[in-house]
Amino acid sequence: MDTQKLLHLLAVVEHGTFSEAARAVHLTQPALSRSIRALEDELKAPLFDRGARRARLTVFGELVAERARRMRLEERQLRRDLDLLRGAEEGSLTIGVAPAPAALLLTPFLIHMAQAHARIKVRTESGATSALLEALRNETIDAIVGDAYVLRAADDIDVEPLGELPAGLVCRAGHPILRKRRIDIETIRAYPVATTTLSTVISRQLAELWGPGAAPDKLFTLHCDNLDMLRSVTLASDTLLFGVLSITRQERAAGLMAEVPMPPDPRRCGRYGIARMAARSLSPALEVLYRFTREHWKALSSEAGGANARR
């Protein structure tokens, strides 16, 4: 049996339509349809209900898709085991990174890989932790560095907590809010407030910390998962940026940004973790990611702790 045809079947299942699946596997839609029909002819069974708007599996298709997933998983595990035998100088690594960890981790990690492990192929995906979890389960990424609140709620993954990072509001230097004698939620809401995708736990904590006016639908006016873009917007306007303070440490050290003074609260922090599927062996490439992430996050946490002590 041609395993490529089985991968085409899974692409249709996971993308929902033949057209989306064709784009994902870099085929024309007619070519993908021919591949699926050839598989049906080989198995002598219809795999999709052609009358539905979206691709819907028949009972035969459900059985074949389940076995195809197992085969794909075994193939990827075989590749990881071969990487283990080769050692850490070869292999590949695909990681998913939530917005804040992406801003803090990706550049130094990619520099490290280019300098110390140049033969390991690295691919990255950024997005909300909940979306990255689905990619992890579908085996399209090997690990996630993301929101610990979301990761801990999943019972099919192994999560290693990383250090907490204080969170707050920052603004450009000279922002009018810095001249206010008293800053409350209404003062903050007088300006545009930007953030990335927040977990439901963080959203609830904001309301507990600052009252009903801090509910995300009332507080935030700009949502974007690209923190480089949000930093630029904050520097060029009266926008206030909410997130972990480490993200803007360089701009604040250079006097370009400032933290908006707020009463200290230990609950106002970001909690992150690194995760992989449960019981999955660590390839040498994954070992490199875990080791680098632990050391880098430890340095970030120490730096943030020192900054808190000075305030």
C-alpha atoms as a PDB file:
ATOM      1  CA  MET A   1       0.000   0.000   0.000  1.00  0.00           C
ATOM      2  CA  ASP A   2       1.292   3.456  -0.934  1.00  0.00           C
ATOM      3  CA  THR A   3       1.772   5.359   2.335  1.00  0.00           C
ATOM      4  CA  GLN A   4       1.710   8.655   0.428  1.00  0.00           C
ATOM      5  CA  LYS A   5      -1.950   8.050  -0.429  1.00  0.00           C
ATOM      6  CA  LEU A   6      -2.670   7.478   3.259  1.00  0.00           C
ATOM      7  CA  LEU A   7      -1.037  10.831   4.057  1.00  0.00           C
ATOM      8  CA  HIS A   8      -3.248  12.432   1.403  1.00  0.00           C
ATOM      9  CA  LEU A   9      -6.276  10.900   3.144  1.00  0.00           C
ATOM     10  CA  LEU A  10      -5.200  12.375   6.486  1.00  0.00           C
ATOM     11  CA  ALA A  11      -4.617  15.767   4.883  1.00  0.00           C
ATOM     12  CA  VAL A  12      -8.246  15.832   3.669  1.00  0.00           C
ATOM     13  CA  VAL A  13      -9.495  14.750   7.109  1.00  0.00           C
ATOM     14  CA  GLU A  14      -7.420  17.347   8.979  1.00  0.00           C
ATOM     15  CA  HIS A  15      -8.047  20.278   6.617  1.00  0.00           C
ATOM     16  CA  GLY A  16     -11.731  19.554   6.044  1.00  0.00           C
ATOM     17  CA  THR A  17     -11.892  20.063   2.267  1.00  0.00           C
ATOM     18  CA  PHE A  18     -10.093  18.688  -0.774  1.00  0.00           C
ATOM     19  CA  SER A  19      -9.059  22.192  -1.864  1.00  0.00           C
ATOM     20  CA  GLU A  20      -7.430  23.071   1.497  1.00  0.00           C
ATOM     21  CA  ALA A  21      -5.768  19.656   1.683  1.00  0.00           C
ATOM     22  CA  ALA A  22      -4.402  19.997  -1.858  1.00  0.00           C
ATOM     23  CA  ARG A  23      -2.734  23.292  -0.943  1.00  0.00           C
ATOM     24  CA  ALA A  24      -1.266  21.738   2.210  1.00  0.00           C
ATOM     25  CA  VAL A  25       0.330  18.811   0.344  1.00  0.00           C
ATOM     26  CA  HIS A  26       1.357  20.943  -2.658  1.00  0.00           C
ATOM     27  CA  LEU A  27      -0.866  19.169  -5.209  1.00  0.00           C
ATOM     28  CA  THR A  28      -3.597  20.356  -7.511  1.00  0.00           C
ATOM     29  CA  GLN A  29      -7.088  19.419  -6.350  1.00  0.00           C
ATOM     30  CA  PRO A  30      -7.625  17.004  -9.303  1.00  0.00           C
ATOM     31  CA  ALA A  31      -4.323  15.260  -8.499  1.00  0.00           C
ATOM     32  CA  LEU A  32      -5.325  14.861  -4.844  1.00  0.00           C
ATOM     33  CA  SER A  33      -8.748  13.530  -5.862  1.00  0.00           C
ATOM     34  CA  ARG A  34      -7.078  10.967  -8.154  1.00  0.00           C
ATOM     35  CA  SER A  35      -4.836   9.855  -5.275  1.00  0.00           C
ATOM     36  CA  ILE A  36      -7.851   9.318  -2.990  1.00  0.00           C
ATOM     37  CA  ARG A  37      -9.784   7.461  -5.707  1.00  0.00           C
ATOM     38  CA  ALA A  38      -6.765   5.230  -6.341  1.00  0.00           C
ATOM     39  CA  LEU A  39      -6.671   4.407  -2.628  1.00  0.00           C
ATOM     40  CA  GLU A  40     -10.403   3.630  -2.681  1.00  0.00           C
ATOM     41  CA  ASP A  41      -9.903   1.362  -5.708  1.00  0.00           C
ATOM     42  CA  GLU A  42      -7.037  -0.406  -3.975  1.00  0.00           C
ATOM     43  CA  LEU A  43      -9.056  -0.946  -0.788  1.00  0.00           C
ATOM     44  CA  LYS A  44     -12.300  -1.614  -2.691  1.00  0.00           C
ATOM     45  CA  ALA A  45     -14.235   0.686  -0.360  1.00  0.00           C
ATOM     46  CA  PRO A  46     -15.558   4.286  -0.458  1.00  0.00           C
ATOM     47  CA  LEU A  47     -13.629   6.447   2.025  1.00  0.00           C
ATOM     48  CA  PHE A  48     -15.491   9.771   1.754  1.00  0.00           C
ATOM     49  CA  ASP A  49     -19.139  10.752   1.470  1.00  0.00           C
ATOM     50  CA  ARG A  50     -19.018  12.772  -1.737  1.00  0.00           C
ATOM     51  CA  GLY A  51     -22.414  14.373  -1.087  1.00  0.00           C
ATOM     52  CA  ALA A  52     -21.289  16.459   1.919  1.00  0.00           C
ATOM     53  CA  ARG A  53     -20.021  20.057   1.582  1.00  0.00           C
ATOM     54  CA  ARG A  54     -17.012  19.249   3.751  1.00  0.00           C
ATOM     55  CA  ALA A  55     -15.068  16.013   3.491  1.00  0.00           C
ATOM     56  CA  ARG A  56     -16.832  13.439   5.661  1.00  0.00           C
ATOM     57  CA  LEU A  57     -15.459   9.953   6.210  1.00  0.00           C
ATOM     58  CA  THR A  58     -17.517   6.830   5.655  1.00  0.00           C
ATOM     59  CA  VAL A  59     -17.278   4.008   8.208  1.00  0.00           C
ATOM     60  CA  PHE A  60     -14.596   2.489   5.977  1.00  0.00           C
ATOM     61  CA  GLY A  61     -12.795   5.817   5.869  1.00  0.00           C
ATOM     62  CA  GLU A  62     -12.833   6.160   9.658  1.00  0.00           C
ATOM     63  CA  LEU A  63     -11.138   2.774  10.031  1.00  0.00           C
ATOM     64  CA  VAL A  64      -8.501   3.579   7.406  1.00  0.00           C
ATOM     65  CA  ALA A  65      -7.840   7.061   8.876  1.00  0.00           C
ATOM     66  CA  GLU A  66      -7.329   5.604  12.362  1.00  0.00           C
ATOM     67  CA  ARG A  67      -4.758   3.100  11.063  1.00  0.00           C
ATOM     68  CA  ALA A  68      -3.112   5.779   8.906  1.00  0.00           C
ATOM     69  CA  ARG A  69      -2.597   7.984  11.975  1.00  0.00           C
ATOM     70  CA  ARG A  70      -0.906   5.099  13.766  1.00  0.00           C
ATOM     71  CA  MET A  71       1.348   4.483  10.784  1.00  0.00           C
ATOM     72  CA  ARG A  72       2.283   8.166  10.584  1.00  0.00           C
ATOM     73  CA  LEU A  73       3.035   8.224  14.304  1.00  0.00           C
ATOM     74  CA  GLU A  74       5.211   5.123  14.025  1.00  0.00           C
ATOM     75  CA  GLU A  75       7.098   6.601  11.080  1.00  0.00           C
ATOM     76  CA  ARG A  76       7.845   9.790  13.032  1.00  0.00           C
ATOM     77  CA  GLN A  77       8.861   7.805  16.096  1.00  0.00           C
ATOM     78  CA  LEU A  78      11.203   5.760  13.912  1.00  0.00           C
ATOM     79  CA  ARG A  79      12.817   8.967  12.652  1.00  0.00           C
ATOM     80  CA  ARG A  80      13.258  10.189  16.238  1.00  0.00           C
ATOM     81  CA  ASP A  81      14.829   6.878  17.271  1.00  0.00           C
ATOM     82  CA  LEU A  82      17.235   7.098  14.342  1.00  0.00           C
ATOM     83  CA  ASP A  83      18.111  10.643  15.447  1.00  0.00           C
ATOM     84  CA  LEU A  84      18.862   9.233  18.900  1.00  0.00           C
ATOM     85  CA  LEU A  85      21.291   6.744  17.378  1.00  0.00           C
ATOM     86  CA  ARG A  86      22.999   9.409  15.259  1.00  0.00           C
ATOM     87  CA  GLY A  87      23.506  11.740  18.209  1.00  0.00           C
ATOM     88  CA  ALA A  88      22.703  15.424  18.534  1.00  0.00           C
ATOM     89  CA  GLU A  89      24.537  16.598  15.430  1.00  0.00           C
ATOM     90  CA  GLU A  90      21.774  15.659  12.978  1.00  0.00           C
ATOM     91  CA  GLY A  91      17.993  15.538  12.918  1.00  0.00           C
ATOM     92  CA  SER A  92      15.129  17.980  12.786  1.00  0.00           C
ATOM     93  CA  LEU A  93      13.021  19.927  15.245  1.00  0.00           C
ATOM     94  CA  THR A  94       9.692  21.698  14.877  1.00  0.00           C
ATOM     95  CA  ILE A  95       8.590  23.815  17.823  1.00  0.00           C
ATOM     96  CA  GLY A  96       5.464  25.817  18.539  1.00  0.00           C
ATOM     97  CA  VAL A  97       5.933  28.998  20.548  1.00  0.00           C
ATOM     98  CA  ALA A  98       3.287  31.272  22.081  1.00  0.00           C
ATOM     99  CA  PRO A  99       3.702  35.045  21.486  1.00  0.00           C
ATOM    100  CA  ALA A 100       5.528  36.025  24.694  1.00  0.00           C
ATOM    101  CA  PRO A 101       7.966  33.073  24.661  1.00  0.00           C
ATOM    102  CA  ALA A 102       8.516  33.701  20.946  1.00  0.00           C
ATOM    103  CA  ALA A 103       9.605  37.284  21.692  1.00  0.00           C
ATOM    104  CA  LEU A 104      11.869  36.163  24.545  1.00  0.00           C
ATOM    105  CA  LEU A 105      13.256  32.853  23.326  1.00  0.00           C
ATOM    106  CA  LEU A 106      13.245  32.382  19.568  1.00  0.00           C
ATOM    107  CA  THR A 107      16.019  34.751  18.471  1.00  0.00           C
ATOM    108  CA  PRO A 108      18.618  33.572  21.041  1.00  0.00           C
ATOM    109  CA  PHE A 109      17.614  29.935  20.463  1.00  0.00           C
ATOM    110  CA  LEU A 110      17.967  30.165  16.677  1.00  0.00           C
ATOM    111  CA  ILE A 111      21.329  31.904  17.069  1.00  0.00           C
ATOM    112  CA  HIS A 112      22.426  29.077  19.387  1.00  0.00           C
ATOM    113  CA  MET A 113      21.291  26.425  16.903  1.00  0.00           C
ATOM    114  CA  ALA A 114      23.031  28.139  13.999  1.00  0.00           C
ATOM    115  CA  GLN A 115      26.278  28.410  15.958  1.00  0.00           C
ATOM    116  CA  ALA A 116      26.347  25.130  17.896  1.00  0.00           C
ATOM    117  CA  HIS A 117      24.063  22.703  16.019  1.00  0.00           C
ATOM    118  CA  ALA A 118      24.107  23.852  12.424  1.00  0.00           C
ATOM    119  CA  ARG A 119      23.134  20.431  10.999  1.00  0.00           C
ATOM    120  CA  ILE A 120      19.866  20.212  12.922  1.00  0.00           C
ATOM    121  CA  LYS A 121      16.967  21.505  10.851  1.00  0.00           C
ATOM    122  CA  VAL A 122      14.737  23.824  12.894  1.00  0.00           C
ATOM    123  CA  ARG A 123      11.248  25.015  11.994  1.00  0.00           C
ATOM    124  CA  THR A 124       9.098  27.251  14.201  1.00  0.00           C
ATOM    125  CA  GLU A 125       5.405  28.031  14.445  1.00  0.00           C
ATOM    126  CA  SER A 126       3.930  30.855  16.517  1.00  0.00           C
ATOM    127  CA  GLY A 127       0.388  31.203  17.777  1.00  0.00           C
ATOM    128  CA  ALA A 128      -1.955  30.824  20.728  1.00  0.00           C
ATOM    129  CA  THR A 129      -1.086  27.900  23.004  1.00  0.00           C
ATOM    130  CA  SER A 130      -4.507  26.287  22.478  1.00  0.00           C
ATOM    131  CA  ALA A 131      -3.955  26.168  18.701  1.00  0.00           C
ATOM    132  CA  LEU A 132      -0.416  24.850  19.123  1.00  0.00           C
ATOM    133  CA  LEU A 133      -1.758  22.022  21.296  1.00  0.00           C
ATOM    134  CA  GLU A 134      -3.763  20.718  18.352  1.00  0.00           C
ATOM    135  CA  ALA A 135      -0.656  20.806  16.168  1.00  0.00           C
ATOM    136  CA  LEU A 136       1.232  18.868  18.850  1.00  0.00           C
ATOM    137  CA  ARG A 137      -1.472  16.210  18.936  1.00  0.00           C
ATOM    138  CA  ASN A 138      -1.464  16.007  15.144  1.00  0.00           C
ATOM    139  CA  GLU A 139       2.316  15.443  15.255  1.00  0.00           C
ATOM    140  CA  THR A 140       3.092  18.486  13.108  1.00  0.00           C
ATOM    141  CA  ILE A 141       5.216  19.994  15.902  1.00  0.00           C
ATOM    142  CA  ASP A 142       7.486  18.271  18.426  1.00  0.00           C
ATOM    143  CA  ALA A 143       7.165  20.569  21.436  1.00  0.00           C
ATOM    144  CA  ILE A 144       5.470  23.723  22.720  1.00  0.00           C
ATOM    145  CA  VAL A 145       6.750  26.604  24.801  1.00  0.00           C
ATOM    146  CA  GLY A 146       3.532  28.262  25.886  1.00  0.00           C
ATOM    147  CA  ASP A 147       1.014  29.342  28.504  1.00  0.00           C
ATOM    148  CA  ALA A 148       1.268  27.012  31.508  1.00  0.00           C
ATOM    149  CA  TYR A 149      -2.395  27.556  32.399  1.00  0.00           C
ATOM    150  CA  VAL A 150      -3.446  26.061  29.064  1.00  0.00           C
ATOM    151  CA  LEU A 151      -0.801  23.328  28.990  1.00  0.00           C
ATOM    152  CA  ARG A 152      -1.589  22.074  32.499  1.00  0.00           C
ATOM    153  CA  ALA A 153      -5.236  21.568  31.546  1.00  0.00           C
ATOM    154  CA  ALA A 154      -4.273  18.933  28.935  1.00  0.00           C
ATOM    155  CA  ASP A 155      -3.957  15.393  30.295  1.00  0.00           C
ATOM    156  CA  ASP A 156      -2.176  13.848  27.300  1.00  0.00           C
ATOM    157  CA  ILE A 157       1.055  15.869  27.418  1.00  0.00           C
ATOM    158  CA  ASP A 158       4.104  16.145  29.681  1.00  0.00           C
ATOM    159  CA  VAL A 159       4.592  19.710  30.947  1.00  0.00           C
ATOM    160  CA  GLU A 160       7.724  21.091  32.577  1.00  0.00           C
ATOM    161  CA  PRO A 161       7.033  24.437  34.309  1.00  0.00           C
ATOM    162  CA  LEU A 162       9.298  27.387  33.575  1.00  0.00           C
ATOM    163  CA  GLY A 163       9.869  30.340  35.877  1.00  0.00           C
ATOM    164  CA  GLU A 164       7.235  33.020  36.452  1.00  0.00           C
ATOM    165  CA  LEU A 165       7.708  36.424  34.846  1.00  0.00           C
ATOM    166  CA  PRO A 166       6.092  39.604  36.258  1.00  0.00           C
ATOM    167  CA  ALA A 167       3.496  41.238  34.006  1.00  0.00           C
ATOM    168  CA  GLY A 168       2.211  44.783  33.755  1.00  0.00           C
ATOM    169  CA  LEU A 169       1.577  47.762  31.528  1.00  0.00           C
ATOM    170  CA  VAL A 170       4.259  49.660  29.628  1.00  0.00           C
ATOM    171  CA  CYS A 171       4.092  52.810  27.533  1.00  0.00           C
ATOM    172  CA  ARG A 172       6.391  55.057  25.535  1.00  0.00           C
ATOM    173  CA  ALA A 173       8.626  57.454  27.436  1.00  0.00           C
ATOM    174  CA  GLY A 174       6.832  60.785  27.976  1.00  0.00           C
ATOM    175  CA  HIS A 175       3.359  59.212  27.815  1.00  0.00           C
ATOM    176  CA  PRO A 176       0.758  61.454  29.530  1.00  0.00           C
ATOM    177  CA  ILE A 177      -0.326  58.616  31.853  1.00  0.00           C
ATOM    178  CA  LEU A 178       3.054  58.858  33.609  1.00  0.00           C
ATOM    179  CA  ARG A 179       2.094  62.343  34.846  1.00  0.00           C
ATOM    180  CA  LYS A 180      -1.093  61.103  36.517  1.00  0.00           C
ATOM    181  CA  ARG A 181      -1.028  61.145  40.325  1.00  0.00           C
ATOM    182  CA  ARG A 182      -3.539  58.304  40.556  1.00  0.00           C
ATOM    183  CA  ILE A 183      -3.881  55.496  38.037  1.00  0.00           C
ATOM    184  CA  ASP A 184      -6.976  53.304  38.103  1.00  0.00           C
ATOM    185  CA  ILE A 185      -8.749  51.191  35.505  1.00  0.00           C
ATOM    186  CA  GLU A 186     -10.689  54.181  34.125  1.00  0.00           C
ATOM    187  CA  THR A 187      -7.434  56.090  33.644  1.00  0.00           C
ATOM    188  CA  ILE A 188      -5.996  53.119  31.749  1.00  0.00           C
ATOM    189  CA  ARG A 189      -9.100  52.718  29.581  1.00  0.00           C
ATOM    190  CA  ALA A 190      -8.747  56.307  28.392  1.00  0.00           C
ATOM    191  CA  TYR A 191      -5.955  55.057  26.093  1.00  0.00           C
ATOM    192  CA  PRO A 192      -5.674  52.217  23.569  1.00  0.00           C
ATOM    193  CA  VAL A 193      -4.552  49.034  25.325  1.00  0.00           C
ATOM    194  CA  ALA A 194      -2.817  46.264  23.373  1.00  0.00           C
ATOM    195  CA  THR A 195      -2.138  42.613  24.172  1.00  0.00           C
ATOM    196  CA  THR A 196      -1.629  39.190  22.664  1.00  0.00           C
ATOM    197  CA  THR A 197      -3.992  36.208  22.987  1.00  0.00           C
ATOM    198  CA  LEU A 198      -4.693  35.637  26.696  1.00  0.00           C
ATOM    199  CA  SER A 199      -5.809  32.434  28.398  1.00  0.00           C
ATOM    200  CA  THR A 200      -9.178  32.385  30.156  1.00  0.00           C
ATOM    201  CA  VAL A 201      -7.351  32.155  33.494  1.00  0.00           C
ATOM    202  CA  ILE A 202      -5.402  35.375  32.843  1.00  0.00           C
ATOM    203  CA  SER A 203      -8.553  37.092  31.614  1.00  0.00           C
ATOM    204  CA  ARG A 204     -10.368  36.147  34.823  1.00  0.00           C
ATOM    205  CA  GLN A 205      -7.476  37.279  36.992  1.00  0.00           C
ATOM    206  CA  LEU A 206      -7.426  40.694  35.314  1.00  0.00           C
ATOM    207  CA  ALA A 207     -11.060  41.201  36.268  1.00  0.00           C
ATOM    208  CA  GLU A 208     -10.276  40.099  39.834  1.00  0.00           C
ATOM    209  CA  LEU A 209      -7.276  42.444  40.065  1.00  0.00           C
ATOM    210  CA  TRP A 210      -8.742  45.574  38.465  1.00  0.00           C
ATOM    211  CA  GLY A 211     -12.511  45.068  38.567  1.00  0.00           C
ATOM    212  CA  PRO A 212     -15.157  44.459  35.858  1.00  0.00           C
ATOM    213  CA  GLY A 213     -13.716  47.235  33.689  1.00  0.00           C
ATOM    214  CA  ALA A 214     -10.649  45.033  33.089  1.00  0.00           C
ATOM    215  CA  ALA A 215     -12.610  42.303  31.351  1.00  0.00           C
ATOM    216  CA  PRO A 216     -10.762  41.692  28.049  1.00  0.00           C
ATOM    217  CA  ASP A 217     -13.693  42.785  25.869  1.00  0.00           C
ATOM    218  CA  LYS A 218     -13.772  46.130  27.720  1.00  0.00           C
ATOM    219  CA  LEU A 219     -10.079  46.753  28.357  1.00  0.00           C
ATOM    220  CA  PHE A 220      -8.220  45.757  25.203  1.00  0.00           C
ATOM    221  CA  THR A 221      -8.599  47.592  21.921  1.00  0.00           C
ATOM    222  CA  LEU A 222      -5.666  46.082  20.002  1.00  0.00           C
ATOM    223  CA  HIS A 223      -5.059  42.332  19.724  1.00  0.00           C
ATOM    224  CA  CYS A 224      -2.021  40.979  17.887  1.00  0.00           C
ATOM    225  CA  ASP A 225       0.206  37.916  18.440  1.00  0.00           C
ATOM    226  CA  ASN A 226       3.204  39.675  16.898  1.00  0.00           C
ATOM    227  CA  LEU A 227       4.894  41.382  19.837  1.00  0.00           C
ATOM    228  CA  ASP A 228       7.509  43.093  17.666  1.00  0.00           C
ATOM    229  CA  MET A 229       4.637  44.879  15.957  1.00  0.00           C
ATOM    230  CA  LEU A 230       2.971  45.771  19.272  1.00  0.00           C
ATOM    231  CA  ARG A 231       6.234  47.207  20.611  1.00  0.00           C
ATOM    232  CA  SER A 232       6.485  49.406  17.522  1.00  0.00           C
ATOM    233  CA  VAL A 233       2.873  50.561  17.933  1.00  0.00           C
ATOM    234  CA  THR A 234       3.498  51.350  21.614  1.00  0.00           C
ATOM    235  CA  LEU A 235       6.601  53.397  20.815  1.00  0.00           C
ATOM    236  CA  ALA A 236       4.793  55.382  18.108  1.00  0.00           C
ATOM    237  CA  SER A 237       1.506  56.141  19.888  1.00  0.00           C
ATOM    238  CA  ASP A 238      -0.258  56.481  23.244  1.00  0.00           C
ATOM    239  CA  THR A 239      -0.999  52.754  23.270  1.00  0.00           C
ATOM    240  CA  LEU A 240      -0.402  50.892  26.539  1.00  0.00           C
ATOM    241  CA  LEU A 241       1.026  47.377  26.132  1.00  0.00           C
ATOM    242  CA  PHE A 242      -0.008  44.644  28.577  1.00  0.00           C
ATOM    243  CA  GLY A 243       2.210  41.581  28.956  1.00  0.00           C
ATOM    244  CA  VAL A 244       5.233  40.179  30.748  1.00  0.00           C
ATOM    245  CA  LEU A 245       7.656  43.011  31.449  1.00  0.00           C
ATOM    246  CA  SER A 246      10.705  41.091  30.206  1.00  0.00           C
ATOM    247  CA  ILE A 247       9.463  41.599  26.643  1.00  0.00           C
ATOM    248  CA  THR A 248      10.269  45.329  26.823  1.00  0.00           C
ATOM    249  CA  ARG A 249      13.345  45.180  29.055  1.00  0.00           C
ATOM    250  CA  GLN A 250      15.682  46.526  26.360  1.00  0.00           C
ATOM    251  CA  GLU A 251      13.414  49.454  25.453  1.00  0.00           C
ATOM    252  CA  ARG A 252      12.947  50.348  29.127  1.00  0.00           C
ATOM    253  CA  ALA A 253      16.678  50.087  29.823  1.00  0.00           C
ATOM    254  CA  ALA A 254      17.313  52.470  26.909  1.00  0.00           C
ATOM    255  CA  GLY A 255      14.758  54.975  28.249  1.00  0.00           C
ATOM    256  CA  LEU A 256      12.409  54.488  25.294  1.00  0.00           C
ATOM    257  CA  MET A 257       9.621  52.888  27.330  1.00  0.00           C
ATOM    258  CA  ALA A 258       8.497  52.962  30.935  1.00  0.00           C
ATOM    259  CA  GLU A 259       6.424  50.736  33.166  1.00  0.00           C
ATOM    260  CA  VAL A 260       3.074  52.245  34.144  1.00  0.00           C
ATOM    261  CA  PRO A 261       3.167  52.383  37.968  1.00  0.00           C
ATOM    262  CA  MET A 262       0.634  49.990  39.463  1.00  0.00           C
ATOM    263  CA  PRO A 263       0.246  48.584  42.994  1.00  0.00           C
ATOM    264  CA  PRO A 264       2.391  45.427  43.271  1.00  0.00           C
ATOM    265  CA  ASP A 265       0.497  42.136  43.084  1.00  0.00           C
ATOM    266  CA  PRO A 266       2.150  38.684  42.927  1.00  0.00           C
ATOM    267  CA  ARG A 267      -0.719  37.334  40.827  1.00  0.00           C
ATOM    268  CA  ARG A 268       0.138  39.719  37.978  1.00  0.00           C
ATOM    269  CA  CYS A 269       2.596  37.448  36.183  1.00  0.00           C
ATOM    270  CA  GLY A 270       2.987  35.158  33.214  1.00  0.00           C
ATOM    271  CA  ARG A 271       3.430  31.445  33.803  1.00  0.00           C
ATOM    272  CA  TYR A 272       4.896  29.351  31.017  1.00  0.00           C
ATOM    273  CA  GLY A 273       5.967  25.786  30.395  1.00  0.00           C
ATOM    274  CA  ILE A 274       7.595  23.533  27.824  1.00  0.00           C
ATOM    275  CA  ALA A 275       5.618  20.474  26.752  1.00  0.00           C
ATOM    276  CA  ARG A 276       5.641  17.407  24.530  1.00  0.00           C
ATOM    277  CA  MET A 277       3.278  14.483  24.061  1.00  0.00           C
ATOM    278  CA  ALA A 278       3.180  12.190  27.102  1.00  0.00           C
ATOM    279  CA  ALA A 279       5.619   9.251  27.163  1.00  0.00           C
ATOM    280  CA  ARG A 280       7.391  10.530  24.043  1.00  0.00           C
ATOM    281  CA  SER A 281      11.141   9.975  24.043  1.00  0.00           C
ATOM    282  CA  LEU A 282      13.404  13.011  23.814  1.00  0.00           C
ATOM    283  CA  SER A 283      15.443  13.135  20.616  1.00  0.00           C
ATOM    284  CA  PRO A 284      18.859  14.827  20.828  1.00  0.00           C
ATOM    285  CA  ALA A 285      17.368  17.874  19.067  1.00  0.00           C
ATOM    286  CA  LEU A 286      14.590  18.097  21.668  1.00  0.00           C
ATOM    287  CA  GLU A 287      17.182  17.701  24.436  1.00  0.00           C
ATOM    288  CA  VAL A 288      18.959  20.761  23.033  1.00  0.00           C
ATOM    289  CA  LEU A 289      15.687  22.751  23.071  1.00  0.00           C
ATOM    290  CA  TYR A 290      14.848  21.718  26.648  1.00  0.00           C
ATOM    291  CA  ARG A 291      18.331  22.469  27.966  1.00  0.00           C
ATOM    292  CA  PHE A 292      18.549  25.858  26.263  1.00  0.00           C
ATOM    293  CA  THR A 293      15.011  26.854  27.336  1.00  0.00           C
ATOM    294  CA  ARG A 294      15.641  25.947  30.986  1.00  0.00           C
ATOM    295  CA  GLU A 295      18.857  27.979  31.110  1.00  0.00           C
ATOM    296  CA  HIS A 296      17.469  30.965  29.209  1.00  0.00           C
ATOM    297  CA  TRP A 297      14.286  31.104  31.301  1.00  0.00           C
ATOM    298  CA  LYS A 298      16.281  30.829  34.518  1.00  0.00           C
ATOM    299  CA  ALA A 299      18.279  33.886  33.427  1.00  0.00           C
ATOM    300  CA  LEU A 300      15.093  35.785  32.535  1.00  0.00           C
ATOM    301  CA  SER A 301      13.519  34.929  35.919  1.00  0.00           C
ATOM    302  CA  SER A 302      16.648  36.042  37.794  1.00  0.00           C
ATOM    303  CA  GLU A 303      16.760  39.283  35.824  1.00  0.00           C
ATOM    304  CA  ALA A 304      13.058  39.925  36.506  1.00  0.00           C
ATOM    305  CA  GLY A 305      13.539  39.161  40.218  1.00  0.00           C
ATOM    306  CA  GLY A 306      16.398  41.659  40.414  1.00  0.00           C
ATOM    307  CA  ALA A 307      14.310  44.329  38.696  1.00  0.00           C
ATOM    308  CA  ASN A 308      11.474  43.755  41.176  1.00  0.00           C
ATOM    309  CA  ALA A 309      13.861  44.157  44.106  1.00  0.00           C
ATOM    310  CA  ARG A 310      15.040  47.521  42.740  1.00  0.00           C
ATOM    311  CA  ARG A 311      11.526  48.927  42.334  1.00  0.00           C
END
